[in-house]
Amino acid sequence: MASDRFEKQIRFIVEMDKLKRVLRQTILTNHSRQETSAEHSWHLGVMALVFSEYAETEVDLSRVLKMVLVHDLVEIDAGDTYCYDEAETHDQVEREEKAAERLFGLLPEDQAGEFRGLWEEFEARKTPEARFAAALDRLQPILQNYHTQGEMWKKNGIRSRQVVLRNQPIEEGSPMIWEYVVHLIHEAVKKGMLQE
């Protein structure tokens, strides 16, 4: 018979499967469908492995990986909030706090505290690891938008100043990546993918 601890962990793992159903406002680069939040988290994990040398300072990569894998789990209950939709973002913090309480509360107490702490650290962006993880989280949809010729930017009437304002925190986590993002935004405007 499995221990109570193991049973709680199994329930949590089964619940996490629901992240595969949460659709984001980004599409796959082949234009076939929207990306899921689970795919986004996996993508960020690989990005952390590839781009860790570009962090603002040396980071604990295992901590960054934990954050990028955990930070969107709250979307199982709270849903994906489109970052450019002000009406949707007004109660985002409240929805995500409630989701964090329920979802991380499924775990044994020590793991619940660890996962909640990772999520809070990511949201606060106070540590080098959190700033780098957040930079990757913002870079990934820019890459997808750019490599789909701005399909979702166009669909939602997004302007370059919105993209700059939303993504400025990338600079805190990686000045080099921010420089690249600014270049991509300028190119997207030039190519008609993004309104000025």
N, C-alpha and C. Protein backbone atom coordinates (compact mmCIF):
# COMPACT_ATOMS: atom_id res chain seq x y z
N MET A 1 0.84 -1.20 0.00
CA MET A 1 0.00 0.00 0.00
C MET A 1 0.88 1.25 0.00
N ALA A 2 0.53 2.23 -0.80
CA ALA A 2 1.31 3.47 -0.91
C ALA A 2 1.09 4.35 0.31
N SER A 3 2.11 5.11 0.65
CA SER A 3 2.02 6.02 1.79
C SER A 3 1.10 7.19 1.45
N ASP A 4 0.63 7.88 2.49
CA ASP A 4 -0.21 9.07 2.32
C ASP A 4 0.55 10.12 1.50
N ARG A 5 1.85 10.27 1.77
CA ARG A 5 2.68 11.23 1.04
C ARG A 5 2.67 10.92 -0.46
N PHE A 6 2.91 9.66 -0.78
CA PHE A 6 2.95 9.24 -2.18
C PHE A 6 1.60 9.46 -2.86
N GLU A 7 0.52 9.15 -2.15
CA GLU A 7 -0.83 9.34 -2.70
C GLU A 7 -1.07 10.81 -3.02
N LYS A 8 -0.65 11.71 -2.15
CA LYS A 8 -0.80 13.15 -2.40
C LYS A 8 0.01 13.56 -3.63
N GLN A 9 1.22 13.04 -3.74
CA GLN A 9 2.06 13.36 -4.90
C GLN A 9 1.44 12.85 -6.21
N ILE A 10 0.87 11.67 -6.16
CA ILE A 10 0.19 11.12 -7.35
C ILE A 10 -0.99 12.00 -7.74
N ARG A 11 -1.80 12.40 -6.76
CA ARG A 11 -2.96 13.28 -7.06
C ARG A 11 -2.50 14.58 -7.71
N PHE A 12 -1.39 15.13 -7.19
CA PHE A 12 -0.85 16.37 -7.75
C PHE A 12 -0.40 16.15 -9.20
N ILE A 13 0.33 15.08 -9.45
CA ILE A 13 0.84 14.78 -10.79
C ILE A 13 -0.31 14.58 -11.78
N VAL A 14 -1.35 13.88 -11.36
CA VAL A 14 -2.51 13.67 -12.23
C VAL A 14 -3.20 15.01 -12.51
N GLU A 15 -3.30 15.85 -11.49
CA GLU A 15 -3.92 17.17 -11.66
C GLU A 15 -3.12 18.03 -12.65
N MET A 16 -1.81 17.89 -12.63
CA MET A 16 -0.95 18.68 -13.51
C MET A 16 -1.20 18.39 -14.98
N ASP A 17 -1.76 17.23 -15.28
CA ASP A 17 -2.08 16.89 -16.66
C ASP A 17 -3.02 17.91 -17.29
N LYS A 18 -3.79 18.59 -16.46
CA LYS A 18 -4.75 19.58 -16.96
C LYS A 18 -4.06 20.78 -17.61
N LEU A 19 -2.77 21.00 -17.31
CA LEU A 19 -2.06 22.13 -17.93
C LEU A 19 -1.95 21.93 -19.43
N LYS A 20 -2.02 20.68 -19.88
CA LYS A 20 -1.95 20.38 -21.31
C LYS A 20 -3.19 20.88 -22.06
N ARG A 21 -4.25 21.23 -21.32
CA ARG A 21 -5.50 21.69 -21.93
C ARG A 21 -5.62 23.21 -21.96
N VAL A 22 -4.74 23.90 -21.26
CA VAL A 22 -4.83 25.36 -21.18
C VAL A 22 -4.20 25.96 -22.44
N LEU A 23 -5.02 26.63 -23.23
CA LEU A 23 -4.54 27.23 -24.48
C LEU A 23 -4.03 28.64 -24.24
N ARG A 24 -2.91 28.96 -24.86
CA ARG A 24 -2.30 30.28 -24.76
C ARG A 24 -2.65 31.11 -26.01
N GLN A 25 -2.34 32.39 -25.95
CA GLN A 25 -2.60 33.28 -27.08
C GLN A 25 -1.41 33.34 -28.04
N THR A 26 -0.66 32.27 -28.10
CA THR A 26 0.42 32.14 -29.08
C THR A 26 0.14 30.89 -29.89
N ILE A 27 0.62 30.90 -31.12
CA ILE A 27 0.41 29.74 -31.97
C ILE A 27 1.75 29.09 -32.28
N LEU A 28 1.69 27.83 -32.65
CA LEU A 28 2.90 27.12 -33.03
C LEU A 28 3.47 27.75 -34.30
N THR A 29 4.76 27.62 -34.49
CA THR A 29 5.40 28.28 -35.63
C THR A 29 4.96 27.72 -36.98
N ASN A 30 4.31 26.57 -36.97
CA ASN A 30 3.76 26.07 -38.25
C ASN A 30 2.32 26.53 -38.46
N HIS A 31 1.83 27.41 -37.59
CA HIS A 31 0.48 28.00 -37.68
C HIS A 31 -0.64 26.99 -37.49
N SER A 32 -0.35 25.78 -37.01
CA SER A 32 -1.37 24.73 -36.97
C SER A 32 -2.38 24.88 -35.84
N ARG A 33 -1.95 25.45 -34.71
CA ARG A 33 -2.86 25.55 -33.56
C ARG A 33 -2.23 26.41 -32.48
N GLN A 34 -3.03 26.68 -31.45
CA GLN A 34 -2.51 27.41 -30.30
C GLN A 34 -1.62 26.49 -29.47
N GLU A 35 -0.68 27.10 -28.82
CA GLU A 35 0.22 26.39 -27.91
C GLU A 35 -0.51 26.16 -26.58
N THR A 36 -0.18 25.07 -25.88
CA THR A 36 -0.71 24.86 -24.54
C THR A 36 0.30 25.39 -23.52
N SER A 37 -0.18 25.63 -22.31
CA SER A 37 0.71 26.11 -21.26
C SER A 37 1.76 25.06 -20.89
N ALA A 38 1.42 23.79 -21.00
CA ALA A 38 2.40 22.73 -20.71
C ALA A 38 3.53 22.77 -21.74
N GLU A 39 3.19 22.97 -23.00
CA GLU A 39 4.21 23.08 -24.05
C GLU A 39 5.09 24.31 -23.81
N HIS A 40 4.47 25.39 -23.40
CA HIS A 40 5.21 26.61 -23.10
C HIS A 40 6.23 26.36 -21.99
N SER A 41 5.81 25.69 -20.93
CA SER A 41 6.70 25.40 -19.81
C SER A 41 7.88 24.53 -20.23
N TRP A 42 7.60 23.51 -21.04
CA TRP A 42 8.67 22.65 -21.55
C TRP A 42 9.64 23.49 -22.39
N HIS A 43 9.11 24.33 -23.26
CA HIS A 43 9.93 25.16 -24.14
C HIS A 43 10.85 26.06 -23.31
N LEU A 44 10.30 26.65 -22.24
CA LEU A 44 11.11 27.50 -21.37
C LEU A 44 12.23 26.72 -20.70
N GLY A 45 11.95 25.49 -20.32
CA GLY A 45 12.99 24.66 -19.71
C GLY A 45 14.17 24.45 -20.65
N VAL A 46 13.88 24.15 -21.89
CA VAL A 46 14.95 23.97 -22.87
C VAL A 46 15.67 25.29 -23.12
N MET A 47 14.91 26.38 -23.19
CA MET A 47 15.51 27.70 -23.38
C MET A 47 16.47 28.03 -22.24
N ALA A 48 16.09 27.69 -21.01
CA ALA A 48 16.96 27.94 -19.85
C ALA A 48 18.29 27.20 -20.00
N LEU A 49 18.22 25.96 -20.48
CA LEU A 49 19.45 25.18 -20.68
C LEU A 49 20.32 25.81 -21.76
N VAL A 50 19.70 26.27 -22.83
CA VAL A 50 20.44 26.81 -23.98
C VAL A 50 21.00 28.21 -23.69
N PHE A 51 20.19 29.06 -23.07
CA PHE A 51 20.54 30.47 -22.93
C PHE A 51 21.11 30.88 -21.58
N SER A 52 21.38 29.94 -20.68
CA SER A 52 21.82 30.31 -19.33
C SER A 52 23.07 31.19 -19.33
N GLU A 53 23.90 31.07 -20.33
CA GLU A 53 25.12 31.89 -20.38
C GLU A 53 24.81 33.37 -20.59
N TYR A 54 23.58 33.71 -20.96
CA TYR A 54 23.22 35.10 -21.22
C TYR A 54 22.47 35.76 -20.06
N ALA A 55 22.38 35.07 -18.93
CA ALA A 55 21.75 35.67 -17.75
C ALA A 55 22.56 36.89 -17.32
N GLU A 56 21.88 37.84 -16.67
CA GLU A 56 22.53 39.08 -16.23
C GLU A 56 23.75 38.79 -15.35
N THR A 57 23.70 37.71 -14.61
CA THR A 57 24.76 37.28 -13.72
C THR A 57 24.68 35.77 -13.62
N GLU A 58 25.64 35.15 -13.01
CA GLU A 58 25.60 33.69 -12.87
C GLU A 58 24.35 33.29 -12.08
N VAL A 59 23.65 32.27 -12.57
CA VAL A 59 22.43 31.83 -11.91
C VAL A 59 22.51 30.34 -11.57
N ASP A 60 21.70 29.94 -10.60
CA ASP A 60 21.55 28.54 -10.24
C ASP A 60 20.55 27.97 -11.26
N LEU A 61 21.08 27.27 -12.26
CA LEU A 61 20.24 26.78 -13.36
C LEU A 61 19.15 25.83 -12.87
N SER A 62 19.44 25.01 -11.88
CA SER A 62 18.39 24.09 -11.41
C SER A 62 17.22 24.87 -10.81
N ARG A 63 17.49 26.00 -10.17
CA ARG A 63 16.42 26.83 -9.61
C ARG A 63 15.62 27.49 -10.74
N VAL A 64 16.31 27.96 -11.77
CA VAL A 64 15.63 28.55 -12.93
C VAL A 64 14.71 27.50 -13.57
N LEU A 65 15.23 26.29 -13.75
CA LEU A 65 14.42 25.22 -14.35
C LEU A 65 13.19 24.92 -13.51
N LYS A 66 13.35 24.86 -12.20
CA LYS A 66 12.20 24.62 -11.33
C LYS A 66 11.15 25.71 -11.51
N MET A 67 11.61 26.97 -11.55
CA MET A 67 10.67 28.08 -11.68
C MET A 67 9.91 28.05 -13.00
N VAL A 68 10.62 27.79 -14.11
CA VAL A 68 9.92 27.81 -15.40
C VAL A 68 8.95 26.63 -15.53
N LEU A 69 9.23 25.55 -14.82
CA LEU A 69 8.31 24.41 -14.87
C LEU A 69 7.09 24.60 -13.96
N VAL A 70 7.25 25.38 -12.90
CA VAL A 70 6.19 25.54 -11.90
C VAL A 70 5.35 26.80 -12.11
N HIS A 71 5.91 27.84 -12.71
CA HIS A 71 5.27 29.16 -12.66
C HIS A 71 3.89 29.23 -13.31
N ASP A 72 3.60 28.41 -14.30
CA ASP A 72 2.30 28.48 -14.97
C ASP A 72 1.31 27.42 -14.51
N LEU A 73 1.67 26.62 -13.51
CA LEU A 73 0.73 25.60 -13.03
C LEU A 73 -0.57 26.21 -12.54
N VAL A 74 -0.50 27.44 -12.05
CA VAL A 74 -1.71 28.11 -11.56
C VAL A 74 -2.74 28.31 -12.67
N GLU A 75 -2.32 28.25 -13.92
CA GLU A 75 -3.24 28.45 -15.03
C GLU A 75 -4.25 27.30 -15.16
N ILE A 76 -4.00 26.19 -14.49
CA ILE A 76 -4.97 25.10 -14.48
C ILE A 76 -6.30 25.62 -13.95
N ASP A 77 -6.25 26.42 -12.89
CA ASP A 77 -7.48 27.00 -12.32
C ASP A 77 -7.74 28.42 -12.83
N ALA A 78 -6.69 29.21 -12.95
CA ALA A 78 -6.85 30.64 -13.27
C ALA A 78 -6.97 30.90 -14.76
N GLY A 79 -6.59 29.95 -15.60
CA GLY A 79 -6.59 30.15 -17.04
C GLY A 79 -5.40 30.99 -17.48
N ASP A 80 -5.16 31.02 -18.77
CA ASP A 80 -4.10 31.86 -19.32
C ASP A 80 -4.66 33.27 -19.49
N THR A 81 -3.95 34.24 -18.99
CA THR A 81 -4.37 35.63 -19.13
C THR A 81 -3.55 36.27 -20.23
N TYR A 82 -4.22 36.77 -21.25
CA TYR A 82 -3.52 37.42 -22.36
C TYR A 82 -2.91 38.72 -21.84
N CYS A 83 -1.61 38.82 -21.94
CA CYS A 83 -0.87 39.92 -21.31
C CYS A 83 -1.25 41.30 -21.82
N TYR A 84 -1.83 41.40 -23.01
CA TYR A 84 -2.19 42.71 -23.57
C TYR A 84 -3.66 43.07 -23.34
N ASP A 85 -4.39 42.23 -22.63
CA ASP A 85 -5.81 42.47 -22.40
C ASP A 85 -6.01 43.02 -20.99
N GLU A 86 -6.17 44.33 -20.89
CA GLU A 86 -6.30 44.98 -19.58
C GLU A 86 -7.53 44.50 -18.81
N ALA A 87 -8.61 44.23 -19.50
CA ALA A 87 -9.82 43.75 -18.83
C ALA A 87 -9.59 42.39 -18.17
N GLU A 88 -8.80 41.55 -18.83
CA GLU A 88 -8.52 40.22 -18.31
C GLU A 88 -7.52 40.26 -17.16
N THR A 89 -6.61 41.21 -17.17
CA THR A 89 -5.54 41.22 -16.16
C THR A 89 -5.97 41.85 -14.84
N HIS A 90 -7.13 42.49 -14.78
CA HIS A 90 -7.51 43.22 -13.56
C HIS A 90 -7.61 42.32 -12.32
N ASP A 91 -8.04 41.08 -12.47
CA ASP A 91 -8.16 40.20 -11.31
C ASP A 91 -7.21 39.00 -11.39
N GLN A 92 -6.20 39.10 -12.23
CA GLN A 92 -5.27 37.99 -12.45
C GLN A 92 -4.57 37.57 -11.17
N VAL A 93 -4.08 38.53 -10.40
CA VAL A 93 -3.33 38.20 -9.18
C VAL A 93 -4.22 37.41 -8.22
N GLU A 94 -5.43 37.87 -8.04
CA GLU A 94 -6.37 37.20 -7.13
C GLU A 94 -6.67 35.77 -7.60
N ARG A 95 -6.94 35.61 -8.90
CA ARG A 95 -7.23 34.28 -9.45
C ARG A 95 -6.05 33.34 -9.29
N GLU A 96 -4.84 33.86 -9.54
CA GLU A 96 -3.65 33.01 -9.47
C GLU A 96 -3.29 32.67 -8.02
N GLU A 97 -3.50 33.59 -7.10
CA GLU A 97 -3.25 33.30 -5.67
C GLU A 97 -4.15 32.16 -5.20
N LYS A 98 -5.41 32.24 -5.56
CA LYS A 98 -6.38 31.21 -5.18
C LYS A 98 -5.98 29.86 -5.80
N ALA A 99 -5.56 29.90 -7.06
CA ALA A 99 -5.14 28.68 -7.74
C ALA A 99 -3.89 28.08 -7.09
N ALA A 100 -2.93 28.93 -6.74
CA ALA A 100 -1.70 28.46 -6.10
C ALA A 100 -2.02 27.76 -4.78
N GLU A 101 -2.93 28.35 -4.03
CA GLU A 101 -3.33 27.77 -2.74
C GLU A 101 -3.89 26.37 -2.93
N ARG A 102 -4.78 26.21 -3.88
CA ARG A 102 -5.40 24.90 -4.10
C ARG A 102 -4.43 23.89 -4.69
N LEU A 103 -3.76 24.29 -5.78
CA LEU A 103 -2.93 23.33 -6.51
C LEU A 103 -1.71 22.89 -5.72
N PHE A 104 -0.96 23.84 -5.17
CA PHE A 104 0.21 23.46 -4.40
C PHE A 104 -0.18 22.78 -3.09
N GLY A 105 -1.39 23.10 -2.62
CA GLY A 105 -1.91 22.47 -1.41
C GLY A 105 -2.20 20.98 -1.57
N LEU A 106 -2.22 20.50 -2.80
CA LEU A 106 -2.41 19.06 -3.04
C LEU A 106 -1.19 18.26 -2.61
N LEU A 107 -0.04 18.90 -2.59
CA LEU A 107 1.23 18.24 -2.29
C LEU A 107 1.42 18.07 -0.78
N PRO A 108 2.33 17.17 -0.38
CA PRO A 108 2.72 17.13 1.04
C PRO A 108 3.25 18.50 1.46
N GLU A 109 3.12 18.82 2.71
CA GLU A 109 3.40 20.17 3.22
C GLU A 109 4.76 20.73 2.80
N ASP A 110 5.82 19.94 2.88
CA ASP A 110 7.15 20.44 2.54
C ASP A 110 7.25 20.81 1.06
N GLN A 111 6.70 19.97 0.21
CA GLN A 111 6.73 20.25 -1.23
C GLN A 111 5.77 21.38 -1.59
N ALA A 112 4.64 21.44 -0.92
CA ALA A 112 3.69 22.54 -1.15
C ALA A 112 4.39 23.87 -0.88
N GLY A 113 5.13 23.95 0.20
CA GLY A 113 5.86 25.18 0.54
C GLY A 113 6.94 25.50 -0.47
N GLU A 114 7.66 24.46 -0.92
CA GLU A 114 8.72 24.68 -1.91
C GLU A 114 8.15 25.19 -3.23
N PHE A 115 7.10 24.54 -3.73
CA PHE A 115 6.51 24.94 -5.01
C PHE A 115 5.89 26.33 -4.92
N ARG A 116 5.21 26.60 -3.82
CA ARG A 116 4.61 27.92 -3.63
C ARG A 116 5.71 28.98 -3.59
N GLY A 117 6.80 28.66 -2.91
CA GLY A 117 7.93 29.59 -2.83
C GLY A 117 8.55 29.86 -4.18
N LEU A 118 8.69 28.84 -5.01
CA LEU A 118 9.23 29.02 -6.36
C LEU A 118 8.31 29.90 -7.19
N TRP A 119 7.00 29.66 -7.08
CA TRP A 119 6.03 30.46 -7.83
C TRP A 119 6.09 31.93 -7.38
N GLU A 120 6.13 32.15 -6.07
CA GLU A 120 6.19 33.52 -5.54
C GLU A 120 7.49 34.21 -5.94
N GLU A 121 8.59 33.48 -5.91
CA GLU A 121 9.89 34.04 -6.31
C GLU A 121 9.85 34.47 -7.78
N PHE A 122 9.28 33.63 -8.62
CA PHE A 122 9.16 33.97 -10.04
C PHE A 122 8.34 35.24 -10.21
N GLU A 123 7.21 35.32 -9.54
CA GLU A 123 6.31 36.47 -9.67
C GLU A 123 6.97 37.76 -9.18
N ALA A 124 7.77 37.67 -8.11
CA ALA A 124 8.38 38.86 -7.52
C ALA A 124 9.57 39.39 -8.33
N ARG A 125 10.25 38.53 -9.06
CA ARG A 125 11.41 38.89 -9.89
C ARG A 125 12.49 39.65 -9.10
N LYS A 126 12.75 39.20 -7.88
CA LYS A 126 13.77 39.87 -7.05
C LYS A 126 15.14 39.19 -7.14
N THR A 127 15.17 37.89 -7.44
CA THR A 127 16.44 37.17 -7.49
C THR A 127 16.93 37.09 -8.94
N PRO A 128 18.24 36.91 -9.13
CA PRO A 128 18.75 36.75 -10.50
C PRO A 128 18.08 35.59 -11.24
N GLU A 129 17.80 34.50 -10.52
CA GLU A 129 17.15 33.34 -11.14
C GLU A 129 15.74 33.70 -11.62
N ALA A 130 15.00 34.42 -10.79
CA ALA A 130 13.63 34.79 -11.15
C ALA A 130 13.63 35.79 -12.31
N ARG A 131 14.56 36.73 -12.30
CA ARG A 131 14.62 37.70 -13.39
C ARG A 131 14.97 37.01 -14.71
N PHE A 132 15.87 36.04 -14.65
CA PHE A 132 16.24 35.31 -15.87
C PHE A 132 15.07 34.44 -16.35
N ALA A 133 14.42 33.74 -15.42
CA ALA A 133 13.26 32.91 -15.79
C ALA A 133 12.17 33.78 -16.41
N ALA A 134 11.92 34.95 -15.84
CA ALA A 134 10.90 35.85 -16.37
C ALA A 134 11.30 36.39 -17.75
N ALA A 135 12.59 36.61 -17.95
CA ALA A 135 13.06 37.07 -19.26
C ALA A 135 12.76 36.02 -20.32
N LEU A 136 13.01 34.76 -20.00
CA LEU A 136 12.72 33.68 -20.95
C LEU A 136 11.22 33.56 -21.20
N ASP A 137 10.44 33.74 -20.14
CA ASP A 137 8.98 33.65 -20.25
C ASP A 137 8.43 34.71 -21.20
N ARG A 138 9.08 35.85 -21.27
CA ARG A 138 8.64 36.92 -22.16
C ARG A 138 9.25 36.80 -23.56
N LEU A 139 10.47 36.25 -23.63
CA LEU A 139 11.11 36.06 -24.93
C LEU A 139 10.36 35.05 -25.79
N GLN A 140 9.93 33.96 -25.19
CA GLN A 140 9.35 32.85 -25.96
C GLN A 140 8.17 33.28 -26.83
N PRO A 141 7.16 34.01 -26.31
CA PRO A 141 6.06 34.41 -27.20
C PRO A 141 6.48 35.43 -28.25
N ILE A 142 7.50 36.22 -27.98
CA ILE A 142 7.99 37.15 -29.00
C ILE A 142 8.56 36.36 -30.17
N LEU A 143 9.35 35.33 -29.85
CA LEU A 143 9.91 34.48 -30.91
C LEU A 143 8.79 33.84 -31.72
N GLN A 144 7.76 33.34 -31.03
CA GLN A 144 6.66 32.70 -31.75
C GLN A 144 5.90 33.70 -32.60
N ASN A 145 5.64 34.87 -32.06
CA ASN A 145 4.95 35.89 -32.85
C ASN A 145 5.77 36.28 -34.07
N TYR A 146 7.05 36.48 -33.87
CA TYR A 146 7.91 36.88 -34.99
C TYR A 146 7.96 35.79 -36.07
N HIS A 147 8.08 34.54 -35.64
CA HIS A 147 8.23 33.44 -36.60
C HIS A 147 6.90 32.93 -37.15
N THR A 148 5.81 33.61 -36.78
CA THR A 148 4.51 33.34 -37.43
C THR A 148 4.06 34.61 -38.15
N GLN A 149 5.01 35.44 -38.51
CA GLN A 149 4.77 36.69 -39.23
C GLN A 149 3.78 37.60 -38.48
N GLY A 150 3.84 37.53 -37.15
CA GLY A 150 3.02 38.42 -36.32
C GLY A 150 1.54 38.08 -36.33
N GLU A 151 1.21 36.84 -36.60
CA GLU A 151 -0.20 36.47 -36.75
C GLU A 151 -1.07 36.89 -35.56
N MET A 152 -0.64 36.58 -34.35
CA MET A 152 -1.45 36.92 -33.18
C MET A 152 -1.35 38.40 -32.84
N TRP A 153 -0.22 39.02 -33.11
CA TRP A 153 -0.12 40.47 -32.92
C TRP A 153 -1.14 41.17 -33.82
N LYS A 154 -1.17 40.74 -35.07
CA LYS A 154 -2.11 41.35 -36.03
C LYS A 154 -3.56 41.08 -35.62
N LYS A 155 -3.84 39.85 -35.27
CA LYS A 155 -5.20 39.46 -34.90
C LYS A 155 -5.72 40.30 -33.74
N ASN A 156 -4.83 40.64 -32.81
CA ASN A 156 -5.24 41.37 -31.61
C ASN A 156 -4.94 42.87 -31.67
N GLY A 157 -4.46 43.35 -32.83
CA GLY A 157 -4.19 44.77 -32.99
C GLY A 157 -3.12 45.32 -32.06
N ILE A 158 -2.10 44.52 -31.81
CA ILE A 158 -1.03 44.91 -30.88
C ILE A 158 -0.06 45.86 -31.58
N ARG A 159 0.40 46.85 -30.82
CA ARG A 159 1.34 47.85 -31.34
C ARG A 159 2.72 47.64 -30.73
N SER A 160 3.74 48.12 -31.42
CA SER A 160 5.12 47.91 -30.97
C SER A 160 5.36 48.47 -29.57
N ARG A 161 4.76 49.63 -29.26
CA ARG A 161 4.98 50.22 -27.93
C ARG A 161 4.45 49.30 -26.82
N GLN A 162 3.34 48.57 -27.10
CA GLN A 162 2.81 47.62 -26.13
C GLN A 162 3.80 46.48 -25.90
N VAL A 163 4.39 46.00 -26.99
CA VAL A 163 5.34 44.90 -26.89
C VAL A 163 6.58 45.34 -26.12
N VAL A 164 7.06 46.55 -26.40
CA VAL A 164 8.22 47.08 -25.69
C VAL A 164 7.91 47.22 -24.21
N LEU A 165 6.79 47.85 -23.87
CA LEU A 165 6.42 48.08 -22.48
C LEU A 165 6.26 46.77 -21.72
N ARG A 166 5.56 45.83 -22.30
CA ARG A 166 5.33 44.54 -21.66
C ARG A 166 6.63 43.77 -21.42
N ASN A 167 7.56 43.91 -22.34
CA ASN A 167 8.75 43.05 -22.30
C ASN A 167 10.01 43.73 -21.77
N GLN A 168 9.93 44.99 -21.40
CA GLN A 168 11.07 45.71 -20.85
C GLN A 168 11.78 44.95 -19.72
N PRO A 169 11.04 44.24 -18.83
CA PRO A 169 11.72 43.49 -17.76
C PRO A 169 12.72 42.43 -18.24
N ILE A 170 12.69 42.08 -19.52
CA ILE A 170 13.70 41.14 -20.04
C ILE A 170 15.09 41.68 -19.76
N GLU A 171 15.25 43.00 -19.87
CA GLU A 171 16.57 43.61 -19.68
C GLU A 171 17.15 43.31 -18.31
N GLU A 172 16.29 43.22 -17.29
CA GLU A 172 16.76 42.92 -15.93
C GLU A 172 17.35 41.51 -15.84
N GLY A 173 16.80 40.59 -16.61
CA GLY A 173 17.26 39.20 -16.55
C GLY A 173 18.38 38.90 -17.52
N SER A 174 18.42 39.65 -18.63
CA SER A 174 19.46 39.42 -19.64
C SER A 174 19.53 40.61 -20.59
N PRO A 175 20.46 41.53 -20.35
CA PRO A 175 20.61 42.67 -21.26
C PRO A 175 20.85 42.24 -22.71
N MET A 176 21.59 41.16 -22.91
CA MET A 176 21.87 40.70 -24.27
C MET A 176 20.61 40.22 -24.97
N ILE A 177 19.76 39.47 -24.25
CA ILE A 177 18.51 39.00 -24.84
C ILE A 177 17.60 40.20 -25.12
N TRP A 178 17.58 41.20 -24.23
CA TRP A 178 16.76 42.38 -24.45
C TRP A 178 17.20 43.12 -25.72
N GLU A 179 18.49 43.22 -25.92
CA GLU A 179 19.01 43.87 -27.13
C GLU A 179 18.49 43.14 -28.38
N TYR A 180 18.48 41.82 -28.32
CA TYR A 180 17.98 41.02 -29.44
C TYR A 180 16.48 41.24 -29.64
N VAL A 181 15.73 41.31 -28.54
CA VAL A 181 14.28 41.52 -28.61
C VAL A 181 13.96 42.87 -29.24
N VAL A 182 14.69 43.91 -28.85
CA VAL A 182 14.48 45.24 -29.43
C VAL A 182 14.70 45.18 -30.95
N HIS A 183 15.75 44.47 -31.35
CA HIS A 183 16.02 44.28 -32.78
C HIS A 183 14.84 43.58 -33.46
N LEU A 184 14.33 42.50 -32.84
CA LEU A 184 13.20 41.77 -33.44
C LEU A 184 11.96 42.65 -33.57
N ILE A 185 11.70 43.46 -32.56
CA ILE A 185 10.53 44.34 -32.60
C ILE A 185 10.66 45.33 -33.76
N HIS A 186 11.84 45.93 -33.91
CA HIS A 186 12.07 46.85 -35.04
C HIS A 186 11.89 46.14 -36.38
N GLU A 187 12.42 44.93 -36.48
CA GLU A 187 12.28 44.15 -37.72
C GLU A 187 10.81 43.82 -37.98
N ALA A 188 10.08 43.47 -36.93
CA ALA A 188 8.66 43.13 -37.08
C ALA A 188 7.86 44.32 -37.59
N VAL A 189 8.21 45.51 -37.10
CA VAL A 189 7.53 46.73 -37.59
C VAL A 189 7.88 46.96 -39.04
N LYS A 190 9.16 46.86 -39.36
CA LYS A 190 9.61 47.07 -40.74
C LYS A 190 8.94 46.13 -41.72
N LYS A 191 8.74 44.88 -41.30
CA LYS A 191 8.17 43.86 -42.17
C LYS A 191 6.63 43.82 -42.13
N GLY A 192 6.02 44.73 -41.38
CA GLY A 192 4.57 44.80 -41.33
C GLY A 192 3.92 43.75 -40.45
N MET A 193 4.68 43.11 -39.58
CA MET A 193 4.13 42.10 -38.68
C MET A 193 3.51 42.73 -37.43
N LEU A 194 3.93 43.95 -37.14
CA LEU A 194 3.56 44.62 -35.90
C LEU A 194 3.33 46.09 -36.21
N GLN A 195 2.22 46.62 -35.75
CA GLN A 195 1.92 48.04 -35.98
C GLN A 195 2.85 48.91 -35.14
N GLU A 196 3.23 50.06 -35.72
CA GLU A 196 4.05 50.99 -34.95
C GLU A 196 3.15 51.70 -33.97
